Amino acid sequence: MNWYMQVLKKYATFSGRARRKEFWMFYLFYLIIVVVLSVIEWMIGIPGILTGIYSLALIIPSIAVTVRRLHDTGRSGWWWWILLVPVIGAIVLLVFMVLDSQPGDNEYGPNPKAAAA
């Protein structure tokens, strides 16, 4: 949960780098919360309301952590826009997200792995 809160503290921080662990742990907790909200919505009969509000509230930090993750792999945050290319764009972005960090410092900042070690 610490990784999730760390991303929320950097709500609209598009500069710097994000480790794979930070990125994937954020999305894991995001998914868990969406599933829980969906079950609650189903139980009380208001499908899509709570998950929609939650998703809208977290769209900026979701984009921000993705941009920082791209920076960690040595790519510009503008690569986020590849999602507009149907199917292929999502696959390319997924590949970028699973790649290891660029070793050492890069133009986006110091390696977060080195800072954590």
N, C-alpha and C. Protein backbone atom coordinates (compact mmCIF):
# COMPACT_ATOMS: atom_id res chain seq x y z
N MET A 1 0.82 -1.20 0.00
CA MET A 1 0.00 0.00 0.00
C MET A 1 0.87 1.26 0.00
N ASN A 2 2.07 1.15 0.52
CA ASN A 2 3.00 2.28 0.56
C ASN A 2 3.30 2.79 -0.86
N TRP A 3 3.46 1.87 -1.81
CA TRP A 3 3.75 2.25 -3.20
C TRP A 3 2.58 3.03 -3.78
N TYR A 4 1.37 2.61 -3.46
CA TYR A 4 0.16 3.27 -3.95
C TYR A 4 0.10 4.70 -3.40
N MET A 5 0.34 4.84 -2.11
CA MET A 5 0.29 6.16 -1.47
C MET A 5 1.41 7.07 -1.99
N GLN A 6 2.56 6.47 -2.28
CA GLN A 6 3.68 7.25 -2.80
C GLN A 6 3.31 7.88 -4.15
N VAL A 7 2.62 7.15 -4.99
CA VAL A 7 2.18 7.69 -6.28
C VAL A 7 1.16 8.81 -6.06
N LEU A 8 0.25 8.62 -5.11
CA LEU A 8 -0.75 9.66 -4.85
C LEU A 8 -0.11 10.93 -4.29
N LYS A 9 0.96 10.79 -3.53
CA LYS A 9 1.67 11.96 -3.01
C LYS A 9 2.33 12.75 -4.14
N LYS A 10 2.67 12.06 -5.21
CA LYS A 10 3.24 12.71 -6.40
C LYS A 10 2.13 12.89 -7.44
N TYR A 11 0.97 13.35 -7.00
CA TYR A 11 -0.26 13.37 -7.79
C TYR A 11 -0.06 13.79 -9.24
N ALA A 12 0.57 14.93 -9.47
CA ALA A 12 0.75 15.41 -10.85
C ALA A 12 2.22 15.67 -11.15
N THR A 13 3.09 14.83 -10.62
CA THR A 13 4.52 14.96 -10.86
C THR A 13 4.89 14.13 -12.09
N PHE A 14 5.17 14.83 -13.18
CA PHE A 14 5.50 14.14 -14.42
C PHE A 14 7.01 14.07 -14.65
N SER A 15 7.78 14.68 -13.77
CA SER A 15 9.24 14.64 -13.91
C SER A 15 9.81 13.57 -13.00
N GLY A 16 11.01 13.14 -13.31
CA GLY A 16 11.65 12.11 -12.51
C GLY A 16 11.41 10.72 -13.08
N ARG A 17 11.72 9.74 -12.26
CA ARG A 17 11.65 8.34 -12.69
C ARG A 17 10.86 7.51 -11.69
N ALA A 18 10.23 6.44 -12.17
CA ALA A 18 9.48 5.52 -11.31
C ALA A 18 9.95 4.09 -11.60
N ARG A 19 10.28 3.38 -10.54
CA ARG A 19 10.69 1.98 -10.69
C ARG A 19 9.53 1.13 -11.18
N ARG A 20 9.88 -0.05 -11.70
CA ARG A 20 8.84 -1.00 -12.10
C ARG A 20 7.94 -1.33 -10.93
N LYS A 21 8.55 -1.54 -9.77
CA LYS A 21 7.78 -1.93 -8.59
C LYS A 21 6.75 -0.86 -8.23
N GLU A 22 7.16 0.40 -8.26
CA GLU A 22 6.24 1.50 -7.96
C GLU A 22 5.07 1.50 -8.94
N PHE A 23 5.37 1.36 -10.22
CA PHE A 23 4.35 1.37 -11.26
C PHE A 23 3.38 0.20 -11.10
N TRP A 24 3.89 -1.01 -10.99
CA TRP A 24 3.03 -2.19 -10.95
C TRP A 24 2.27 -2.31 -9.63
N MET A 25 2.87 -1.90 -8.52
CA MET A 25 2.16 -1.95 -7.25
C MET A 25 1.02 -0.93 -7.25
N PHE A 26 1.23 0.24 -7.83
CA PHE A 26 0.15 1.22 -7.95
C PHE A 26 -1.01 0.62 -8.73
N TYR A 27 -0.72 0.03 -9.88
CA TYR A 27 -1.80 -0.52 -10.70
C TYR A 27 -2.44 -1.75 -10.06
N LEU A 28 -1.70 -2.51 -9.28
CA LEU A 28 -2.29 -3.65 -8.56
C LEU A 28 -3.32 -3.16 -7.56
N PHE A 29 -2.95 -2.18 -6.73
CA PHE A 29 -3.90 -1.65 -5.76
C PHE A 29 -5.06 -0.93 -6.44
N TYR A 30 -4.78 -0.25 -7.53
CA TYR A 30 -5.83 0.41 -8.31
C TYR A 30 -6.86 -0.63 -8.77
N LEU A 31 -6.38 -1.74 -9.30
CA LEU A 31 -7.27 -2.81 -9.77
C LEU A 31 -8.06 -3.43 -8.63
N ILE A 32 -7.41 -3.68 -7.50
CA ILE A 32 -8.10 -4.25 -6.34
C ILE A 32 -9.22 -3.33 -5.89
N ILE A 33 -8.93 -2.04 -5.81
CA ILE A 33 -9.95 -1.08 -5.37
C ILE A 33 -11.10 -1.01 -6.37
N VAL A 34 -10.80 -1.05 -7.66
CA VAL A 34 -11.85 -1.04 -8.68
C VAL A 34 -12.75 -2.28 -8.56
N VAL A 35 -12.15 -3.45 -8.32
CA VAL A 35 -12.94 -4.67 -8.16
C VAL A 35 -13.84 -4.57 -6.93
N VAL A 36 -13.30 -4.09 -5.81
CA VAL A 36 -14.10 -3.94 -4.59
C VAL A 36 -15.25 -2.96 -4.82
N LEU A 37 -14.95 -1.82 -5.45
CA LEU A 37 -16.00 -0.84 -5.74
C LEU A 37 -17.06 -1.42 -6.68
N SER A 38 -16.64 -2.22 -7.65
CA SER A 38 -17.58 -2.84 -8.58
C SER A 38 -18.53 -3.79 -7.86
N VAL A 39 -17.99 -4.56 -6.93
CA VAL A 39 -18.82 -5.47 -6.15
C VAL A 39 -19.82 -4.68 -5.30
N ILE A 40 -19.35 -3.62 -4.67
CA ILE A 40 -20.24 -2.77 -3.87
C ILE A 40 -21.34 -2.17 -4.75
N GLU A 41 -20.96 -1.69 -5.94
CA GLU A 41 -21.94 -1.12 -6.87
C GLU A 41 -22.97 -2.17 -7.28
N TRP A 42 -22.51 -3.37 -7.55
CA TRP A 42 -23.42 -4.44 -7.95
C TRP A 42 -24.40 -4.77 -6.83
N MET A 43 -23.86 -4.77 -5.59
CA MET A 43 -24.71 -5.12 -4.44
C MET A 43 -25.78 -4.07 -4.17
N ILE A 44 -25.47 -2.80 -4.38
CA ILE A 44 -26.46 -1.77 -4.10
C ILE A 44 -27.18 -1.27 -5.36
N GLY A 45 -26.80 -1.80 -6.51
CA GLY A 45 -27.54 -1.52 -7.75
C GLY A 45 -27.23 -0.21 -8.44
N ILE A 46 -25.99 0.28 -8.32
CA ILE A 46 -25.60 1.50 -9.02
C ILE A 46 -24.34 1.25 -9.85
N PRO A 47 -24.45 0.44 -10.90
CA PRO A 47 -23.25 0.05 -11.65
C PRO A 47 -22.54 1.23 -12.31
N GLY A 48 -21.24 1.29 -12.10
CA GLY A 48 -20.40 2.26 -12.79
C GLY A 48 -20.21 3.60 -12.12
N ILE A 49 -21.01 3.93 -11.13
CA ILE A 49 -20.93 5.26 -10.52
C ILE A 49 -19.66 5.41 -9.68
N LEU A 50 -19.46 4.54 -8.70
CA LEU A 50 -18.30 4.65 -7.82
C LEU A 50 -16.98 4.42 -8.56
N THR A 51 -16.96 3.41 -9.42
CA THR A 51 -15.72 3.14 -10.17
C THR A 51 -15.42 4.28 -11.14
N GLY A 52 -16.45 4.88 -11.70
CA GLY A 52 -16.25 6.01 -12.59
C GLY A 52 -15.65 7.21 -11.88
N ILE A 53 -16.19 7.52 -10.70
CA ILE A 53 -15.66 8.64 -9.91
C ILE A 53 -14.22 8.35 -9.48
N TYR A 54 -13.97 7.13 -9.02
CA TYR A 54 -12.62 6.74 -8.59
C TYR A 54 -11.63 6.83 -9.76
N SER A 55 -12.02 6.32 -10.91
CA SER A 55 -11.15 6.36 -12.09
C SER A 55 -10.86 7.78 -12.54
N LEU A 56 -11.86 8.63 -12.51
CA LEU A 56 -11.65 10.04 -12.87
C LEU A 56 -10.70 10.72 -11.89
N ALA A 57 -10.85 10.41 -10.61
CA ALA A 57 -10.00 11.02 -9.59
C ALA A 57 -8.54 10.60 -9.76
N LEU A 58 -8.31 9.40 -10.28
CA LEU A 58 -6.94 8.89 -10.39
C LEU A 58 -6.37 8.93 -11.80
N ILE A 59 -7.02 9.61 -12.73
CA ILE A 59 -6.49 9.63 -14.10
C ILE A 59 -5.17 10.39 -14.17
N ILE A 60 -5.04 11.50 -13.45
CA ILE A 60 -3.79 12.28 -13.47
C ILE A 60 -2.64 11.49 -12.84
N PRO A 61 -2.79 10.92 -11.63
CA PRO A 61 -1.67 10.15 -11.09
C PRO A 61 -1.34 8.90 -11.93
N SER A 62 -2.33 8.32 -12.58
CA SER A 62 -2.07 7.16 -13.44
C SER A 62 -1.20 7.54 -14.63
N ILE A 63 -1.53 8.66 -15.24
CA ILE A 63 -0.71 9.13 -16.37
C ILE A 63 0.67 9.53 -15.88
N ALA A 64 0.72 10.21 -14.72
CA ALA A 64 2.00 10.68 -14.18
C ALA A 64 2.95 9.52 -13.88
N VAL A 65 2.45 8.46 -13.25
CA VAL A 65 3.33 7.33 -12.92
C VAL A 65 3.76 6.61 -14.19
N THR A 66 2.91 6.59 -15.21
CA THR A 66 3.28 5.98 -16.48
C THR A 66 4.38 6.79 -17.16
N VAL A 67 4.25 8.11 -17.13
CA VAL A 67 5.28 8.97 -17.72
C VAL A 67 6.60 8.80 -16.98
N ARG A 68 6.56 8.76 -15.64
CA ARG A 68 7.79 8.57 -14.87
C ARG A 68 8.40 7.19 -15.14
N ARG A 69 7.56 6.19 -15.37
CA ARG A 69 8.06 4.86 -15.71
C ARG A 69 8.74 4.88 -17.07
N LEU A 70 8.15 5.58 -18.03
CA LEU A 70 8.80 5.74 -19.34
C LEU A 70 10.14 6.43 -19.20
N HIS A 71 10.20 7.46 -18.36
CA HIS A 71 11.47 8.15 -18.09
C HIS A 71 12.50 7.17 -17.54
N ASP A 72 12.06 6.25 -16.68
CA ASP A 72 12.98 5.29 -16.08
C ASP A 72 13.60 4.37 -17.12
N THR A 73 12.88 4.13 -18.20
CA THR A 73 13.42 3.29 -19.28
C THR A 73 14.16 4.11 -20.32
N GLY A 74 14.30 5.42 -20.07
CA GLY A 74 15.05 6.27 -20.98
C GLY A 74 14.22 6.83 -22.13
N ARG A 75 12.90 6.77 -22.01
CA ARG A 75 12.03 7.26 -23.07
C ARG A 75 11.30 8.52 -22.63
N SER A 76 10.92 9.33 -23.60
CA SER A 76 10.16 10.53 -23.32
C SER A 76 8.75 10.15 -22.86
N GLY A 77 8.16 10.99 -22.04
CA GLY A 77 6.79 10.77 -21.60
C GLY A 77 5.78 10.86 -22.72
N TRP A 78 6.21 11.48 -23.83
CA TRP A 78 5.32 11.58 -24.98
C TRP A 78 4.97 10.21 -25.56
N TRP A 79 5.73 9.18 -25.25
CA TRP A 79 5.41 7.82 -25.71
C TRP A 79 4.06 7.35 -25.16
N TRP A 80 3.56 8.01 -24.10
CA TRP A 80 2.27 7.65 -23.54
C TRP A 80 1.18 7.71 -24.61
N TRP A 81 1.33 8.65 -25.54
CA TRP A 81 0.32 8.85 -26.58
C TRP A 81 0.22 7.68 -27.56
N ILE A 82 1.15 6.75 -27.49
CA ILE A 82 1.07 5.58 -28.37
C ILE A 82 -0.18 4.75 -28.08
N LEU A 83 -0.78 4.98 -26.92
CA LEU A 83 -2.03 4.29 -26.60
C LEU A 83 -3.16 4.62 -27.58
N LEU A 84 -3.02 5.70 -28.31
CA LEU A 84 -4.05 6.07 -29.29
C LEU A 84 -4.04 5.15 -30.51
N VAL A 85 -2.96 4.40 -30.69
CA VAL A 85 -2.90 3.43 -31.78
C VAL A 85 -3.59 2.16 -31.29
N PRO A 86 -4.70 1.78 -31.92
CA PRO A 86 -5.45 0.62 -31.43
C PRO A 86 -4.59 -0.65 -31.35
N VAL A 87 -4.74 -1.39 -30.30
CA VAL A 87 -4.12 -2.68 -30.00
C VAL A 87 -2.59 -2.59 -29.94
N ILE A 88 -1.96 -2.25 -31.04
CA ILE A 88 -0.50 -2.21 -31.12
C ILE A 88 0.08 -1.24 -30.10
N GLY A 89 -0.57 -0.09 -29.93
CA GLY A 89 -0.09 0.91 -29.00
C GLY A 89 -0.06 0.39 -27.57
N ALA A 90 -1.10 -0.30 -27.16
CA ALA A 90 -1.15 -0.86 -25.80
C ALA A 90 -0.08 -1.93 -25.62
N ILE A 91 0.16 -2.72 -26.64
CA ILE A 91 1.19 -3.77 -26.56
C ILE A 91 2.57 -3.14 -26.43
N VAL A 92 2.84 -2.13 -27.23
CA VAL A 92 4.15 -1.45 -27.18
C VAL A 92 4.35 -0.81 -25.81
N LEU A 93 3.34 -0.12 -25.29
CA LEU A 93 3.46 0.51 -23.98
C LEU A 93 3.66 -0.53 -22.89
N LEU A 94 2.96 -1.66 -22.97
CA LEU A 94 3.14 -2.73 -22.00
C LEU A 94 4.58 -3.24 -22.01
N VAL A 95 5.15 -3.42 -23.19
CA VAL A 95 6.54 -3.86 -23.30
C VAL A 95 7.47 -2.84 -22.63
N PHE A 96 7.23 -1.56 -22.88
CA PHE A 96 8.05 -0.52 -22.25
C PHE A 96 7.93 -0.57 -20.73
N MET A 97 6.74 -0.87 -20.21
CA MET A 97 6.52 -0.89 -18.77
C MET A 97 7.22 -2.07 -18.08
N VAL A 98 7.42 -3.16 -18.80
CA VAL A 98 8.06 -4.32 -18.16
C VAL A 98 9.58 -4.31 -18.34
N LEU A 99 10.09 -3.42 -19.16
CA LEU A 99 11.55 -3.34 -19.33
C LEU A 99 12.22 -2.86 -18.04
N ASP A 100 13.46 -3.27 -17.84
CA ASP A 100 14.22 -2.86 -16.68
C ASP A 100 14.60 -1.39 -16.79
N SER A 101 14.95 -0.82 -15.66
CA SER A 101 15.39 0.58 -15.61
C SER A 101 16.65 0.78 -16.42
N GLN A 102 16.81 1.99 -16.94
CA GLN A 102 18.06 2.34 -17.58
C GLN A 102 19.09 2.49 -16.47
N PRO A 103 20.22 1.79 -16.55
CA PRO A 103 21.19 1.84 -15.45
C PRO A 103 21.80 3.24 -15.30
N GLY A 104 22.06 3.61 -14.06
CA GLY A 104 22.68 4.90 -13.79
C GLY A 104 21.72 6.06 -14.01
N ASP A 105 22.29 7.25 -13.96
CA ASP A 105 21.49 8.45 -14.18
C ASP A 105 21.17 8.60 -15.67
N ASN A 106 20.02 9.18 -15.97
CA ASN A 106 19.71 9.55 -17.34
C ASN A 106 19.20 10.99 -17.35
N GLU A 107 18.73 11.48 -18.47
CA GLU A 107 18.33 12.88 -18.58
C GLU A 107 17.13 13.22 -17.69
N TYR A 108 16.45 12.19 -17.15
CA TYR A 108 15.26 12.42 -16.33
C TYR A 108 15.54 12.35 -14.84
N GLY A 109 16.76 12.01 -14.47
CA GLY A 109 17.12 11.99 -13.06
C GLY A 109 17.93 10.76 -12.69
N PRO A 110 18.23 10.65 -11.40
CA PRO A 110 19.02 9.50 -10.93
C PRO A 110 18.17 8.22 -10.94
N ASN A 111 18.85 7.10 -11.01
CA ASN A 111 18.18 5.80 -11.01
C ASN A 111 17.52 5.58 -9.65
N PRO A 112 16.20 5.36 -9.60
CA PRO A 112 15.53 5.15 -8.32
C PRO A 112 15.95 3.84 -7.63
N LYS A 113 16.43 2.87 -8.42
CA LYS A 113 16.92 1.63 -7.81
C LYS A 113 18.14 1.91 -6.96
N ALA A 114 19.02 2.77 -7.45
CA ALA A 114 20.24 3.09 -6.73
C ALA A 114 19.91 3.83 -5.43
N ALA A 115 18.89 4.69 -5.47
CA ALA A 115 18.49 5.43 -4.29
C ALA A 115 17.85 4.51 -3.24
N ALA A 116 17.16 3.47 -3.70
CA ALA A 116 16.49 2.56 -2.78
C ALA A 116 17.45 1.55 -2.17
N ALA A 117 18.56 1.29 -2.82
CA ALA A 117 19.49 0.27 -2.34
C ALA A 117 20.33 0.74 -1.18
